[in-house]
Amino acid sequence: MRRVPSTLLALVDRIRGEDPERGDVPGWVMVTVMTAALVLAILGVFQDAIVNAVQNALNSVTTRG
């Protein structure tokens, strides 16, 4: 009888959902939503400062001096 390679067994376990490293999908969704909300809150408060900083950085790189 032939031995089944361990990679094939690992793939079958993963397809069946028996992989302990699979993770928590709702947890990742919550982290993503909270990160997006934090970015929007920071952008709402500091939008003018961020726009000015980016424009100054781009101007300092693109202007010849």
PDB file of N, CA and C in Angstrom:
ATOM      1  N   MET A   1       0.829  -1.185   0.000  1.00  0.00           N
ATOM      2  CA  MET A   1       0.000   0.000   0.000  1.00  0.00           C
ATOM      3  C   MET A   1       0.874   1.249   0.000  1.00  0.00           C
ATOM      4  N   ARG A   2       0.486   2.239  -0.790  1.00  0.00           N
ATOM      5  CA  ARG A   2       1.278   3.460  -0.892  1.00  0.00           C
ATOM      6  C   ARG A   2       0.948   4.409   0.245  1.00  0.00           C
ATOM      7  N   ARG A   3       1.913   5.177   0.640  1.00  0.00           N
ATOM      8  CA  ARG A   3       1.707   6.181   1.672  1.00  0.00           C
ATOM      9  C   ARG A   3       1.216   7.472   1.033  1.00  0.00           C
ATOM     10  N   VAL A   4       0.285   8.121   1.671  1.00  0.00           N
ATOM     11  CA  VAL A   4      -0.230   9.397   1.182  1.00  0.00           C
ATOM     12  C   VAL A   4       0.693  10.496   1.703  1.00  0.00           C
ATOM     13  N   PRO A   5       1.167  11.340   0.816  1.00  0.00           N
ATOM     14  CA  PRO A   5       2.070  12.408   1.258  1.00  0.00           C
ATOM     15  C   PRO A   5       1.411  13.302   2.311  1.00  0.00           C
ATOM     16  N   SER A   6       2.221  13.779   3.221  1.00  0.00           N
ATOM     17  CA  SER A   6       1.697  14.595   4.316  1.00  0.00           C
ATOM     18  C   SER A   6       1.102  15.907   3.802  1.00  0.00           C
ATOM     19  N   THR A   7       1.618  16.437   2.692  1.00  0.00           N
ATOM     20  CA  THR A   7       1.048  17.668   2.153  1.00  0.00           C
ATOM     21  C   THR A   7      -0.371  17.452   1.647  1.00  0.00           C
ATOM     22  N   LEU A   8      -0.631  16.273   1.073  1.00  0.00           N
ATOM     23  CA  LEU A   8      -1.979  15.967   0.614  1.00  0.00           C
ATOM     24  C   LEU A   8      -2.934  15.838   1.794  1.00  0.00           C
ATOM     25  N   LEU A   9      -2.478  15.213   2.862  1.00  0.00           N
ATOM     26  CA  LEU A   9      -3.306  15.093   4.064  1.00  0.00           C
ATOM     27  C   LEU A   9      -3.590  16.467   4.672  1.00  0.00           C
ATOM     28  N   ALA A  10      -2.594  17.320   4.680  1.00  0.00           N
ATOM     29  CA  ALA A  10      -2.787  18.671   5.207  1.00  0.00           C
ATOM     30  C   ALA A  10      -3.797  19.439   4.357  1.00  0.00           C
ATOM     31  N   LEU A  11      -3.741  19.258   3.045  1.00  0.00           N
ATOM     32  CA  LEU A  11      -4.690  19.920   2.155  1.00  0.00           C
ATOM     33  C   LEU A  11      -6.109  19.429   2.399  1.00  0.00           C
ATOM     34  N   VAL A  12      -6.266  18.137   2.587  1.00  0.00           N
ATOM     35  CA  VAL A  12      -7.596  17.581   2.865  1.00  0.00           C
ATOM     36  C   VAL A  12      -8.128  18.121   4.192  1.00  0.00           C
ATOM     37  N   ASP A  13      -7.286  18.173   5.209  1.00  0.00           N
ATOM     38  CA  ASP A  13      -7.711  18.733   6.498  1.00  0.00           C
ATOM     39  C   ASP A  13      -8.122  20.191   6.359  1.00  0.00           C
ATOM     40  N   ARG A  14      -7.396  20.933   5.551  1.00  0.00           N
ATOM     41  CA  ARG A  14      -7.706  22.347   5.364  1.00  0.00           C
ATOM     42  C   ARG A  14      -9.040  22.523   4.648  1.00  0.00           C
ATOM     43  N   ILE A  15      -9.298  21.702   3.655  1.00  0.00           N
ATOM     44  CA  ILE A  15     -10.563  21.781   2.925  1.00  0.00           C
ATOM     45  C   ILE A  15     -11.726  21.421   3.838  1.00  0.00           C
ATOM     46  N   ARG A  16     -11.526  20.465   4.700  1.00  0.00           N
ATOM     47  CA  ARG A  16     -12.574  20.066   5.640  1.00  0.00           C
ATOM     48  C   ARG A  16     -12.807  21.100   6.732  1.00  0.00           C
ATOM     49  N   GLY A  17     -11.909  22.048   6.879  1.00  0.00           N
ATOM     50  CA  GLY A  17     -12.064  23.068   7.907  1.00  0.00           C
ATOM     51  C   GLY A  17     -11.506  22.657   9.250  1.00  0.00           C
ATOM     52  N   GLU A  18     -10.643  21.670   9.275  1.00  0.00           N
ATOM     53  CA  GLU A  18     -10.068  21.192  10.516  1.00  0.00           C
ATOM     54  C   GLU A  18      -8.723  21.837  10.814  1.00  0.00           C
ATOM     55  N   ASP A  19      -8.393  22.898  10.124  1.00  0.00           N
ATOM     56  CA  ASP A  19      -7.114  23.573  10.306  1.00  0.00           C
ATOM     57  C   ASP A  19      -7.199  24.518  11.498  1.00  0.00           C
ATOM     58  N   PRO A  20      -6.409  24.294  12.545  1.00  0.00           N
ATOM     59  CA  PRO A  20      -6.478  25.183  13.708  1.00  0.00           C
ATOM     60  C   PRO A  20      -5.943  26.590  13.420  1.00  0.00           C
ATOM     61  N   GLU A  21      -5.224  26.760  12.339  1.00  0.00           N
ATOM     62  CA  GLU A  21      -4.676  28.064  11.981  1.00  0.00           C
ATOM     63  C   GLU A  21      -5.610  28.862  11.083  1.00  0.00           C
ATOM     64  N   ARG A  22      -6.811  28.391  10.886  1.00  0.00           N
ATOM     65  CA  ARG A  22      -7.731  29.007   9.938  1.00  0.00           C
ATOM     66  C   ARG A  22      -8.117  30.424  10.334  1.00  0.00           C
ATOM     67  N   GLY A  23      -8.310  30.702  11.595  1.00  0.00           N
ATOM     68  CA  GLY A  23      -8.601  32.049  12.050  1.00  0.00           C
ATOM     69  C   GLY A  23     -10.082  32.294  12.240  1.00  0.00           C
ATOM     70  N   ASP A  24     -10.355  33.478  12.713  1.00  0.00           N
ATOM     71  CA  ASP A  24     -11.715  33.877  13.040  1.00  0.00           C
ATOM     72  C   ASP A  24     -12.146  34.954  12.051  1.00  0.00           C
ATOM     73  N   VAL A  25     -12.965  34.588  11.081  1.00  0.00           N
ATOM     74  CA  VAL A  25     -13.359  35.530  10.035  1.00  0.00           C
ATOM     75  C   VAL A  25     -14.103  36.737  10.601  1.00  0.00           C
ATOM     76  N   PRO A  26     -15.094  36.569  11.474  1.00  0.00           N
ATOM     77  CA  PRO A  26     -15.758  37.759  12.020  1.00  0.00           C
ATOM     78  C   PRO A  26     -14.799  38.671  12.783  1.00  0.00           C
ATOM     79  N   GLY A  27     -13.794  38.099  13.416  1.00  0.00           N
ATOM     80  CA  GLY A  27     -12.792  38.918  14.101  1.00  0.00           C
ATOM     81  C   GLY A  27     -12.018  39.784  13.125  1.00  0.00           C
ATOM     82  N   TRP A  28     -11.632  39.220  11.987  1.00  0.00           N
ATOM     83  CA  TRP A  28     -10.903  39.984  10.983  1.00  0.00           C
ATOM     84  C   TRP A  28     -11.784  41.059  10.365  1.00  0.00           C
ATOM     85  N   VAL A  29     -13.060  40.761  10.194  1.00  0.00           N
ATOM     86  CA  VAL A  29     -13.975  41.772   9.667  1.00  0.00           C
ATOM     87  C   VAL A  29     -14.072  42.936  10.649  1.00  0.00           C
ATOM     88  N   MET A  30     -14.187  42.637  11.929  1.00  0.00           N
ATOM     89  CA  MET A  30     -14.275  43.679  12.947  1.00  0.00           C
ATOM     90  C   MET A  30     -13.014  44.538  12.979  1.00  0.00           C
ATOM     91  N   VAL A  31     -11.856  43.909  12.887  1.00  0.00           N
ATOM     92  CA  VAL A  31     -10.598  44.659  12.869  1.00  0.00           C
ATOM     93  C   VAL A  31     -10.545  45.576  11.655  1.00  0.00           C
ATOM     94  N   THR A  32     -10.966  45.079  10.498  1.00  0.00           N
ATOM     95  CA  THR A  32     -10.947  45.883   9.275  1.00  0.00           C
ATOM     96  C   THR A  32     -11.896  47.065   9.374  1.00  0.00           C
ATOM     97  N   VAL A  33     -13.098  46.831   9.876  1.00  0.00           N
ATOM     98  CA  VAL A  33     -14.080  47.913  10.005  1.00  0.00           C
ATOM     99  C   VAL A  33     -13.604  48.946  11.012  1.00  0.00           C
ATOM    100  N   MET A  34     -13.051  48.505  12.125  1.00  0.00           N
ATOM    101  CA  MET A  34     -12.576  49.448  13.138  1.00  0.00           C
ATOM    102  C   MET A  34     -11.388  50.258  12.622  1.00  0.00           C
ATOM    103  N   THR A  35     -10.517  49.637  11.856  1.00  0.00           N
ATOM    104  CA  THR A  35      -9.380  50.356  11.278  1.00  0.00           C
ATOM    105  C   THR A  35      -9.856  51.417  10.291  1.00  0.00           C
ATOM    106  N   ALA A  36     -10.816  51.056   9.452  1.00  0.00           N
ATOM    107  CA  ALA A  36     -11.359  52.022   8.494  1.00  0.00           C
ATOM    108  C   ALA A  36     -12.030  53.182   9.226  1.00  0.00           C
ATOM    109  N   ALA A  37     -12.758  52.890  10.302  1.00  0.00           N
ATOM    110  CA  ALA A  37     -13.417  53.951  11.073  1.00  0.00           C
ATOM    111  C   ALA A  37     -12.387  54.865  11.718  1.00  0.00           C
ATOM    112  N   LEU A  38     -11.301  54.293  12.221  1.00  0.00           N
ATOM    113  CA  LEU A  38     -10.242  55.102  12.832  1.00  0.00           C
ATOM    114  C   LEU A  38      -9.566  56.001  11.803  1.00  0.00           C
ATOM    115  N   VAL A  39      -9.303  55.468  10.622  1.00  0.00           N
ATOM    116  CA  VAL A  39      -8.695  56.273   9.555  1.00  0.00           C
ATOM    117  C   VAL A  39      -9.614  57.424   9.161  1.00  0.00           C
ATOM    118  N   LEU A  40     -10.907  57.153   9.027  1.00  0.00           N
ATOM    119  CA  LEU A  40     -11.854  58.212   8.677  1.00  0.00           C
ATOM    120  C   LEU A  40     -11.950  59.267   9.767  1.00  0.00           C
ATOM    121  N   ALA A  41     -11.915  58.852  11.026  1.00  0.00           N
ATOM    122  CA  ALA A  41     -11.973  59.817  12.128  1.00  0.00           C
ATOM    123  C   ALA A  41     -10.736  60.710  12.136  1.00  0.00           C
ATOM    124  N   ILE A  42      -9.568  60.109  11.945  1.00  0.00           N
ATOM    125  CA  ILE A  42      -8.330  60.896  11.910  1.00  0.00           C
ATOM    126  C   ILE A  42      -8.328  61.822  10.717  1.00  0.00           C
ATOM    127  N   LEU A  43      -8.763  61.323   9.565  1.00  0.00           N
ATOM    128  CA  LEU A  43      -8.802  62.147   8.360  1.00  0.00           C
ATOM    129  C   LEU A  43      -9.779  63.306   8.524  1.00  0.00           C
ATOM    130  N   GLY A  44     -10.904  63.054   9.175  1.00  0.00           N
ATOM    131  CA  GLY A  44     -11.889  64.114   9.384  1.00  0.00           C
ATOM    132  C   GLY A  44     -11.351  65.251  10.231  1.00  0.00           C
ATOM    133  N   VAL A  45     -10.558  64.925  11.218  1.00  0.00           N
ATOM    134  CA  VAL A  45     -10.025  65.945  12.123  1.00  0.00           C
ATOM    135  C   VAL A  45      -8.802  66.638  11.526  1.00  0.00           C
ATOM    136  N   PHE A  46      -7.929  65.889  10.901  1.00  0.00           N
ATOM    137  CA  PHE A  46      -6.643  66.430  10.441  1.00  0.00           C
ATOM    138  C   PHE A  46      -6.525  66.510   8.928  1.00  0.00           C
ATOM    139  N   GLN A  47      -7.617  66.596   8.200  1.00  0.00           N
ATOM    140  CA  GLN A  47      -7.571  66.570   6.747  1.00  0.00           C
ATOM    141  C   GLN A  47      -6.727  67.702   6.172  1.00  0.00           C
ATOM    142  N   ASP A  48      -6.937  68.925   6.644  1.00  0.00           N
ATOM    143  CA  ASP A  48      -6.174  70.060   6.106  1.00  0.00           C
ATOM    144  C   ASP A  48      -4.675  69.896   6.358  1.00  0.00           C
ATOM    145  N   ALA A  49      -4.303  69.456   7.551  1.00  0.00           N
ATOM    146  CA  ALA A  49      -2.889  69.280   7.869  1.00  0.00           C
ATOM    147  C   ALA A  49      -2.276  68.171   7.015  1.00  0.00           C
ATOM    148  N   ILE A  50      -3.018  67.099   6.795  1.00  0.00           N
ATOM    149  CA  ILE A  50      -2.500  65.988   5.985  1.00  0.00           C
ATOM    150  C   ILE A  50      -2.330  66.419   4.531  1.00  0.00           C
ATOM    151  N   VAL A  51      -3.327  67.127   3.991  1.00  0.00           N
ATOM    152  CA  VAL A  51      -3.246  67.600   2.604  1.00  0.00           C
ATOM    153  C   VAL A  51      -2.067  68.554   2.441  1.00  0.00           C
ATOM    154  N   ASN A  52      -1.892  69.471   3.372  1.00  0.00           N
ATOM    155  CA  ASN A  52      -0.767  70.413   3.292  1.00  0.00           C
ATOM    156  C   ASN A  52       0.575  69.692   3.390  1.00  0.00           C
ATOM    157  N   ALA A  53       0.681  68.718   4.274  1.00  0.00           N
ATOM    158  CA  ALA A  53       1.937  67.978   4.418  1.00  0.00           C
ATOM    159  C   ALA A  53       2.276  67.213   3.146  1.00  0.00           C
ATOM    160  N   VAL A  54       1.277  66.584   2.539  1.00  0.00           N
ATOM    161  CA  VAL A  54       1.523  65.831   1.309  1.00  0.00           C
ATOM    162  C   VAL A  54       1.886  66.780   0.167  1.00  0.00           C
ATOM    163  N   GLN A  55       1.183  67.893   0.061  1.00  0.00           N
ATOM    164  CA  GLN A  55       1.504  68.861  -1.000  1.00  0.00           C
ATOM    165  C   GLN A  55       2.905  69.430  -0.816  1.00  0.00           C
ATOM    166  N   ASN A  56       3.288  69.756   0.401  1.00  0.00           N
ATOM    167  CA  ASN A  56       4.640  70.261   0.653  1.00  0.00           C
ATOM    168  C   ASN A  56       5.695  69.222   0.315  1.00  0.00           C
ATOM    169  N   ALA A  57       5.423  67.977   0.655  1.00  0.00           N
ATOM    170  CA  ALA A  57       6.378  66.910   0.343  1.00  0.00           C
ATOM    171  C   ALA A  57       6.525  66.724  -1.162  1.00  0.00           C
ATOM    172  N   LEU A  58       5.392  66.730  -1.876  1.00  0.00           N
ATOM    173  CA  LEU A  58       5.461  66.575  -3.322  1.00  0.00           C
ATOM    174  C   LEU A  58       6.131  67.774  -3.982  1.00  0.00           C
ATOM    175  N   ASN A  59       5.847  68.963  -3.492  1.00  0.00           N
ATOM    176  CA  ASN A  59       6.490  70.160  -4.050  1.00  0.00           C
ATOM    177  C   ASN A  59       7.993  70.147  -3.816  1.00  0.00           C
ATOM    178  N   SER A  60       8.431  69.690  -2.656  1.00  0.00           N
ATOM    179  CA  SER A  60       9.866  69.666  -2.380  1.00  0.00           C
ATOM    180  C   SER A  60      10.588  68.631  -3.245  1.00  0.00           C
ATOM    181  N   VAL A  61       9.883  67.608  -3.680  1.00  0.00           N
ATOM    182  CA  VAL A  61      10.507  66.596  -4.525  1.00  0.00           C
ATOM    183  C   VAL A  61      10.484  67.014  -5.986  1.00  0.00           C
ATOM    184  N   THR A  62       9.402  67.676  -6.423  1.00  0.00           N
ATOM    185  CA  THR A  62       9.252  67.967  -7.846  1.00  0.00           C
ATOM    186  C   THR A  62       9.867  69.296  -8.262  1.00  0.00           C
ATOM    187  N   THR A  63      10.083  70.232  -7.353  1.00  0.00           N
ATOM    188  CA  THR A  63      10.667  71.528  -7.748  1.00  0.00           C
ATOM    189  C   THR A  63      12.165  71.415  -7.890  1.00  0.00           C
ATOM    190  N   ARG A  64      12.659  72.126  -8.875  1.00  0.00           N
ATOM    191  CA  ARG A  64      14.108  72.141  -9.082  1.00  0.00           C
ATOM    192  C   ARG A  64      14.664  73.316  -8.300  1.00  0.00           C
ATOM    193  N   GLY A  65      15.763  73.077  -7.657  1.00  0.00           N
ATOM    194  CA  GLY A  65      16.284  74.163  -6.861  1.00  0.00           C
ATOM    195  C   GLY A  65      17.726  74.174  -6.843  1.00  0.00           C
TER     196      GLY A  65
END
